[in-house]
Amino acid sequence: MKNLKDLTRAEEEVMQILWQINRGFVKDILDRMPSPRPAYNTVSTIIRILETKGFVSHKAYGKTHEYYPLVSKDNYSRFQLNSMLSGYFDGSFQNLVSFFAEKESLKTAEIDELLRQLQNLKKKKS
């Protein structure tokens, strides 16, 4: 997971689609993109960049390529969360939760639910 790199917004959009469909051709990805859709060549270029970054690989069928993710959505989500924690909250999940609680983005019920989930995790690890 340390080798992961940040993705651009366009790269992340393509990865979100690949995570949903598990594998597909450029046309399959394009079909799932919102309008206005980018050009076929644009999506093809983004996928080649994702291959270079180690996020995607392909299976060739002649000149056609079927693409599939090498990095799971869960691993990338964890990488992004860790980046955000270290970059904005001194690596502390507590600081992150406090930030949202103080800005009233978290309702009391949501905080209670977080506490319940943390207690359940604690019990599982014991």
N, C-alpha and C. Protein backbone atom coordinates (compact mmCIF):
# COMPACT_ATOMS: atom_id res chain seq x y z
N MET A 1 0.82 -1.20 0.00
CA MET A 1 0.00 0.00 0.00
C MET A 1 0.86 1.26 0.00
N LYS A 2 2.10 1.16 0.44
CA LYS A 2 2.98 2.32 0.46
C LYS A 2 3.31 2.81 -0.94
N ASN A 3 3.24 1.93 -1.94
CA ASN A 3 3.59 2.29 -3.31
C ASN A 3 2.48 3.04 -4.02
N LEU A 4 1.31 3.17 -3.40
CA LEU A 4 0.20 3.83 -4.05
C LEU A 4 0.50 5.31 -4.24
N LYS A 5 -0.08 5.84 -5.30
CA LYS A 5 0.06 7.25 -5.61
C LYS A 5 -1.33 7.88 -5.61
N ASP A 6 -1.38 9.18 -5.42
CA ASP A 6 -2.64 9.88 -5.53
C ASP A 6 -3.12 9.83 -6.97
N LEU A 7 -4.41 9.78 -7.14
CA LEU A 7 -5.00 9.79 -8.47
C LEU A 7 -5.62 11.14 -8.75
N THR A 8 -5.61 11.54 -10.02
CA THR A 8 -6.32 12.75 -10.40
C THR A 8 -7.81 12.45 -10.33
N ARG A 9 -8.61 13.48 -10.42
CA ARG A 9 -10.06 13.30 -10.38
C ARG A 9 -10.53 12.40 -11.54
N ALA A 10 -9.97 12.60 -12.72
CA ALA A 10 -10.35 11.80 -13.89
C ALA A 10 -9.93 10.34 -13.71
N GLU A 11 -8.73 10.13 -13.18
CA GLU A 11 -8.25 8.76 -12.93
C GLU A 11 -9.13 8.07 -11.90
N GLU A 12 -9.50 8.81 -10.87
CA GLU A 12 -10.35 8.23 -9.82
C GLU A 12 -11.73 7.89 -10.37
N GLU A 13 -12.25 8.71 -11.25
CA GLU A 13 -13.55 8.43 -11.86
C GLU A 13 -13.50 7.12 -12.65
N VAL A 14 -12.43 6.91 -13.41
CA VAL A 14 -12.28 5.67 -14.17
C VAL A 14 -12.13 4.48 -13.21
N MET A 15 -11.34 4.66 -12.15
CA MET A 15 -11.16 3.57 -11.19
C MET A 15 -12.48 3.21 -10.51
N GLN A 16 -13.29 4.21 -10.16
CA GLN A 16 -14.58 3.93 -9.53
C GLN A 16 -15.43 3.03 -10.43
N ILE A 17 -15.40 3.30 -11.72
CA ILE A 17 -16.17 2.48 -12.66
C ILE A 17 -15.57 1.08 -12.75
N LEU A 18 -14.25 0.97 -12.85
CA LEU A 18 -13.62 -0.35 -12.91
C LEU A 18 -13.89 -1.15 -11.64
N TRP A 19 -13.89 -0.50 -10.49
CA TRP A 19 -14.21 -1.21 -9.24
C TRP A 19 -15.64 -1.73 -9.28
N GLN A 20 -16.54 -1.00 -9.90
CA GLN A 20 -17.94 -1.43 -10.00
C GLN A 20 -18.10 -2.61 -10.95
N ILE A 21 -17.44 -2.55 -12.11
CA ILE A 21 -17.67 -3.57 -13.13
C ILE A 21 -16.64 -4.70 -13.08
N ASN A 22 -15.59 -4.55 -12.29
CA ASN A 22 -14.51 -5.54 -12.11
C ASN A 22 -13.58 -5.67 -13.31
N ARG A 23 -14.09 -5.62 -14.49
CA ARG A 23 -13.27 -5.65 -15.70
C ARG A 23 -14.10 -5.14 -16.85
N GLY A 24 -13.42 -4.53 -17.82
CA GLY A 24 -14.17 -4.03 -18.97
C GLY A 24 -13.27 -3.38 -19.99
N PHE A 25 -13.86 -3.09 -21.12
CA PHE A 25 -13.18 -2.43 -22.22
C PHE A 25 -13.41 -0.92 -22.09
N VAL A 26 -12.66 -0.14 -22.85
CA VAL A 26 -12.81 1.32 -22.78
C VAL A 26 -14.27 1.70 -23.02
N LYS A 27 -14.92 1.06 -23.98
CA LYS A 27 -16.32 1.36 -24.29
C LYS A 27 -17.21 1.12 -23.07
N ASP A 28 -16.94 0.04 -22.31
CA ASP A 28 -17.73 -0.25 -21.11
C ASP A 28 -17.60 0.87 -20.08
N ILE A 29 -16.40 1.39 -19.95
CA ILE A 29 -16.14 2.47 -19.00
C ILE A 29 -16.84 3.74 -19.47
N LEU A 30 -16.69 4.05 -20.75
CA LEU A 30 -17.33 5.23 -21.33
C LEU A 30 -18.85 5.19 -21.15
N ASP A 31 -19.44 4.02 -21.35
CA ASP A 31 -20.90 3.89 -21.23
C ASP A 31 -21.40 4.22 -19.83
N ARG A 32 -20.56 4.09 -18.84
CA ARG A 32 -20.98 4.34 -17.45
C ARG A 32 -20.62 5.74 -16.95
N MET A 33 -19.99 6.53 -17.81
CA MET A 33 -19.60 7.89 -17.42
C MET A 33 -20.77 8.85 -17.65
N PRO A 34 -20.88 9.84 -16.76
CA PRO A 34 -21.97 10.81 -16.93
C PRO A 34 -21.72 11.73 -18.12
N SER A 35 -22.79 12.28 -18.64
CA SER A 35 -22.69 13.24 -19.74
C SER A 35 -22.24 14.59 -19.19
N PRO A 36 -21.49 15.35 -19.92
CA PRO A 36 -20.92 15.03 -21.23
C PRO A 36 -19.74 14.07 -21.07
N ARG A 37 -19.74 13.03 -21.87
CA ARG A 37 -18.69 12.02 -21.78
C ARG A 37 -17.43 12.50 -22.48
N PRO A 38 -16.28 12.12 -21.91
CA PRO A 38 -15.03 12.47 -22.59
C PRO A 38 -14.87 11.63 -23.86
N ALA A 39 -13.92 11.98 -24.68
CA ALA A 39 -13.64 11.24 -25.91
C ALA A 39 -13.07 9.86 -25.57
N TYR A 40 -13.29 8.93 -26.45
CA TYR A 40 -12.76 7.57 -26.30
C TYR A 40 -11.26 7.60 -26.05
N ASN A 41 -10.53 8.39 -26.84
CA ASN A 41 -9.06 8.47 -26.71
C ASN A 41 -8.65 9.02 -25.34
N THR A 42 -9.44 9.91 -24.78
CA THR A 42 -9.14 10.47 -23.46
C THR A 42 -9.21 9.38 -22.41
N VAL A 43 -10.27 8.58 -22.43
CA VAL A 43 -10.42 7.49 -21.47
C VAL A 43 -9.31 6.46 -21.67
N SER A 44 -9.00 6.17 -22.92
CA SER A 44 -7.92 5.22 -23.22
C SER A 44 -6.59 5.71 -22.65
N THR A 45 -6.32 6.99 -22.77
CA THR A 45 -5.09 7.57 -22.23
C THR A 45 -5.08 7.49 -20.71
N ILE A 46 -6.20 7.78 -20.08
CA ILE A 46 -6.29 7.71 -18.61
C ILE A 46 -6.01 6.28 -18.14
N ILE A 47 -6.55 5.31 -18.84
CA ILE A 47 -6.33 3.91 -18.45
C ILE A 47 -4.86 3.53 -18.60
N ARG A 48 -4.22 4.00 -19.66
CA ARG A 48 -2.78 3.71 -19.82
C ARG A 48 -1.96 4.36 -18.70
N ILE A 49 -2.36 5.54 -18.26
CA ILE A 49 -1.69 6.19 -17.13
C ILE A 49 -1.90 5.37 -15.87
N LEU A 50 -3.13 4.87 -15.67
CA LEU A 50 -3.42 4.02 -14.51
C LEU A 50 -2.60 2.74 -14.54
N GLU A 51 -2.35 2.22 -15.73
CA GLU A 51 -1.47 1.04 -15.85
C GLU A 51 -0.05 1.38 -15.43
N THR A 52 0.43 2.52 -15.88
CA THR A 52 1.78 2.97 -15.52
C THR A 52 1.91 3.16 -14.01
N LYS A 53 0.86 3.65 -13.37
CA LYS A 53 0.86 3.86 -11.93
C LYS A 53 0.66 2.56 -11.14
N GLY A 54 0.35 1.47 -11.85
CA GLY A 54 0.19 0.18 -11.18
C GLY A 54 -1.21 -0.09 -10.64
N PHE A 55 -2.19 0.67 -11.08
CA PHE A 55 -3.56 0.50 -10.60
C PHE A 55 -4.36 -0.46 -11.46
N VAL A 56 -3.99 -0.59 -12.72
CA VAL A 56 -4.78 -1.34 -13.70
C VAL A 56 -3.85 -2.21 -14.53
N SER A 57 -4.39 -3.34 -14.96
CA SER A 57 -3.70 -4.17 -15.94
C SER A 57 -4.72 -4.56 -17.01
N HIS A 58 -4.28 -5.32 -17.98
CA HIS A 58 -5.20 -5.68 -19.06
C HIS A 58 -4.92 -7.08 -19.59
N LYS A 59 -5.92 -7.60 -20.25
CA LYS A 59 -5.79 -8.84 -21.00
C LYS A 59 -6.05 -8.47 -22.45
N ALA A 60 -5.12 -8.83 -23.33
CA ALA A 60 -5.23 -8.47 -24.74
C ALA A 60 -6.01 -9.52 -25.52
N TYR A 61 -6.89 -9.05 -26.37
CA TYR A 61 -7.61 -9.87 -27.33
C TYR A 61 -7.32 -9.27 -28.70
N GLY A 62 -6.18 -9.61 -29.26
CA GLY A 62 -5.74 -8.96 -30.48
C GLY A 62 -5.37 -7.52 -30.17
N LYS A 63 -6.02 -6.59 -30.87
CA LYS A 63 -5.74 -5.17 -30.63
C LYS A 63 -6.65 -4.57 -29.55
N THR A 64 -7.58 -5.37 -29.05
CA THR A 64 -8.51 -4.90 -28.03
C THR A 64 -8.01 -5.32 -26.65
N HIS A 65 -8.21 -4.46 -25.67
CA HIS A 65 -7.76 -4.75 -24.31
C HIS A 65 -8.91 -4.69 -23.33
N GLU A 66 -8.96 -5.69 -22.46
CA GLU A 66 -9.92 -5.71 -21.37
C GLU A 66 -9.16 -5.34 -20.10
N TYR A 67 -9.62 -4.31 -19.41
CA TYR A 67 -8.90 -3.78 -18.26
C TYR A 67 -9.53 -4.26 -16.96
N TYR A 68 -8.70 -4.38 -15.94
CA TYR A 68 -9.17 -4.77 -14.62
C TYR A 68 -8.27 -4.13 -13.56
N PRO A 69 -8.85 -3.84 -12.38
CA PRO A 69 -8.08 -3.18 -11.33
C PRO A 69 -7.08 -4.13 -10.67
N LEU A 70 -5.91 -3.60 -10.35
CA LEU A 70 -4.91 -4.32 -9.56
C LEU A 70 -4.96 -3.89 -8.10
N VAL A 71 -5.48 -2.69 -7.87
CA VAL A 71 -5.60 -2.13 -6.52
C VAL A 71 -7.08 -2.15 -6.15
N SER A 72 -7.39 -2.71 -4.99
CA SER A 72 -8.79 -2.76 -4.57
C SER A 72 -9.25 -1.38 -4.10
N LYS A 73 -10.55 -1.18 -4.17
CA LYS A 73 -11.14 0.07 -3.69
C LYS A 73 -10.85 0.25 -2.20
N ASP A 74 -10.92 -0.84 -1.45
CA ASP A 74 -10.66 -0.80 -0.02
C ASP A 74 -9.23 -0.33 0.27
N ASN A 75 -8.26 -0.86 -0.45
CA ASN A 75 -6.86 -0.45 -0.24
C ASN A 75 -6.65 1.02 -0.60
N TYR A 76 -7.26 1.46 -1.69
CA TYR A 76 -7.09 2.86 -2.08
C TYR A 76 -7.79 3.77 -1.08
N SER A 77 -8.96 3.37 -0.60
CA SER A 77 -9.68 4.17 0.41
C SER A 77 -8.84 4.32 1.67
N ARG A 78 -8.23 3.23 2.10
CA ARG A 78 -7.37 3.25 3.28
C ARG A 78 -6.17 4.19 3.06
N PHE A 79 -5.56 4.11 1.88
CA PHE A 79 -4.44 4.98 1.53
C PHE A 79 -4.86 6.45 1.58
N GLN A 80 -6.03 6.76 0.99
CA GLN A 80 -6.50 8.15 0.98
C GLN A 80 -6.80 8.65 2.39
N LEU A 81 -7.43 7.81 3.20
CA LEU A 81 -7.74 8.20 4.57
C LEU A 81 -6.45 8.46 5.35
N ASN A 82 -5.47 7.59 5.21
CA ASN A 82 -4.20 7.79 5.90
C ASN A 82 -3.51 9.06 5.43
N SER A 83 -3.59 9.36 4.14
CA SER A 83 -3.00 10.59 3.61
C SER A 83 -3.69 11.82 4.20
N MET A 84 -5.02 11.76 4.26
CA MET A 84 -5.77 12.88 4.82
C MET A 84 -5.46 13.04 6.31
N LEU A 85 -5.41 11.93 7.04
CA LEU A 85 -5.11 12.00 8.47
C LEU A 85 -3.74 12.62 8.71
N SER A 86 -2.74 12.16 7.97
CA SER A 86 -1.38 12.67 8.20
C SER A 86 -1.24 14.11 7.71
N GLY A 87 -1.93 14.45 6.61
CA GLY A 87 -1.79 15.79 6.04
C GLY A 87 -2.57 16.87 6.75
N TYR A 88 -3.69 16.50 7.37
CA TYR A 88 -4.56 17.53 7.94
C TYR A 88 -4.86 17.37 9.43
N PHE A 89 -4.64 16.18 9.97
CA PHE A 89 -5.06 15.92 11.35
C PHE A 89 -3.95 15.31 12.20
N ASP A 90 -2.71 15.59 11.86
CA ASP A 90 -1.54 15.11 12.61
C ASP A 90 -1.57 13.59 12.81
N GLY A 91 -2.13 12.87 11.83
CA GLY A 91 -2.16 11.41 11.91
C GLY A 91 -3.13 10.86 12.94
N SER A 92 -4.02 11.70 13.46
CA SER A 92 -4.90 11.29 14.55
C SER A 92 -6.35 11.18 14.08
N PHE A 93 -6.91 9.98 14.20
CA PHE A 93 -8.32 9.79 13.90
C PHE A 93 -9.17 10.59 14.88
N GLN A 94 -8.70 10.68 16.12
CA GLN A 94 -9.42 11.46 17.13
C GLN A 94 -9.54 12.92 16.70
N ASN A 95 -8.46 13.48 16.15
CA ASN A 95 -8.52 14.87 15.67
C ASN A 95 -9.52 15.01 14.52
N LEU A 96 -9.58 14.01 13.66
CA LEU A 96 -10.52 14.02 12.55
C LEU A 96 -11.96 14.03 13.06
N VAL A 97 -12.28 13.13 13.97
CA VAL A 97 -13.64 13.05 14.51
C VAL A 97 -13.98 14.33 15.28
N SER A 98 -13.03 14.84 16.04
CA SER A 98 -13.26 16.09 16.79
C SER A 98 -13.55 17.24 15.84
N PHE A 99 -12.82 17.29 14.74
CA PHE A 99 -13.02 18.34 13.74
C PHE A 99 -14.47 18.32 13.26
N PHE A 100 -14.98 17.15 12.86
CA PHE A 100 -16.34 17.06 12.36
C PHE A 100 -17.38 17.28 13.45
N ALA A 101 -17.08 16.82 14.64
CA ALA A 101 -18.02 17.03 15.75
C ALA A 101 -18.13 18.51 16.09
N GLU A 102 -16.99 19.21 16.12
CA GLU A 102 -16.99 20.64 16.45
C GLU A 102 -17.67 21.47 15.38
N LYS A 103 -17.54 21.07 14.13
CA LYS A 103 -18.14 21.83 13.03
C LYS A 103 -19.61 21.45 12.84
N GLU A 104 -20.13 20.63 13.75
CA GLU A 104 -21.52 20.18 13.75
C GLU A 104 -21.88 19.40 12.49
N SER A 105 -20.88 18.85 11.83
CA SER A 105 -21.15 18.00 10.68
C SER A 105 -21.62 16.63 11.14
N LEU A 106 -21.24 16.25 12.35
CA LEU A 106 -21.67 14.97 12.91
C LEU A 106 -22.80 15.24 13.90
N LYS A 107 -23.89 14.55 13.69
CA LYS A 107 -25.02 14.66 14.63
C LYS A 107 -24.74 13.75 15.82
N THR A 108 -25.41 14.01 16.92
CA THR A 108 -25.24 13.23 18.14
C THR A 108 -25.47 11.74 17.87
N ALA A 109 -26.49 11.44 17.10
CA ALA A 109 -26.79 10.03 16.77
C ALA A 109 -25.63 9.38 16.00
N GLU A 110 -25.00 10.16 15.12
CA GLU A 110 -23.87 9.63 14.35
C GLU A 110 -22.66 9.39 15.26
N ILE A 111 -22.45 10.27 16.20
CA ILE A 111 -21.35 10.09 17.16
C ILE A 111 -21.61 8.86 18.00
N ASP A 112 -22.85 8.69 18.46
CA ASP A 112 -23.22 7.50 19.24
C ASP A 112 -22.99 6.22 18.43
N GLU A 113 -23.35 6.25 17.16
CA GLU A 113 -23.15 5.09 16.29
C GLU A 113 -21.66 4.79 16.12
N LEU A 114 -20.85 5.82 15.94
CA LEU A 114 -19.40 5.63 15.85
C LEU A 114 -18.85 4.98 17.12
N LEU A 115 -19.30 5.47 18.25
CA LEU A 115 -18.86 4.91 19.53
C LEU A 115 -19.26 3.44 19.65
N ARG A 116 -20.49 3.13 19.22
CA ARG A 116 -20.97 1.75 19.27
C ARG A 116 -20.11 0.86 18.38
N GLN A 117 -19.80 1.33 17.18
CA GLN A 117 -18.96 0.55 16.26
C GLN A 117 -17.55 0.36 16.81
N LEU A 118 -17.00 1.39 17.42
CA LEU A 118 -15.68 1.28 18.02
C LEU A 118 -15.67 0.29 19.18
N GLN A 119 -16.73 0.31 19.98
CA GLN A 119 -16.82 -0.64 21.08
C GLN A 119 -16.91 -2.08 20.57
N ASN A 120 -17.67 -2.29 19.49
CA ASN A 120 -17.77 -3.60 18.88
C ASN A 120 -16.41 -4.08 18.35
N LEU A 121 -15.67 -3.16 17.71
CA LEU A 121 -14.34 -3.50 17.21
C LEU A 121 -13.40 -3.86 18.35
N LYS A 122 -13.50 -3.11 19.43
CA LYS A 122 -12.66 -3.36 20.60
C LYS A 122 -12.94 -4.75 21.17
N LYS A 123 -14.23 -5.12 21.23
CA LYS A 123 -14.61 -6.45 21.75
C LYS A 123 -14.06 -7.55 20.85
N LYS A 124 -14.12 -7.36 19.54
CA LYS A 124 -13.62 -8.35 18.59
C LYS A 124 -12.12 -8.55 18.72
N LYS A 125 -11.40 -7.47 19.01
CA LYS A 125 -9.94 -7.55 19.12
C LYS A 125 -9.48 -8.11 20.45
N SER A 126 -10.38 -8.12 21.44
CA SER A 126 -10.02 -8.62 22.78
C SER A 126 -10.01 -10.13 22.83
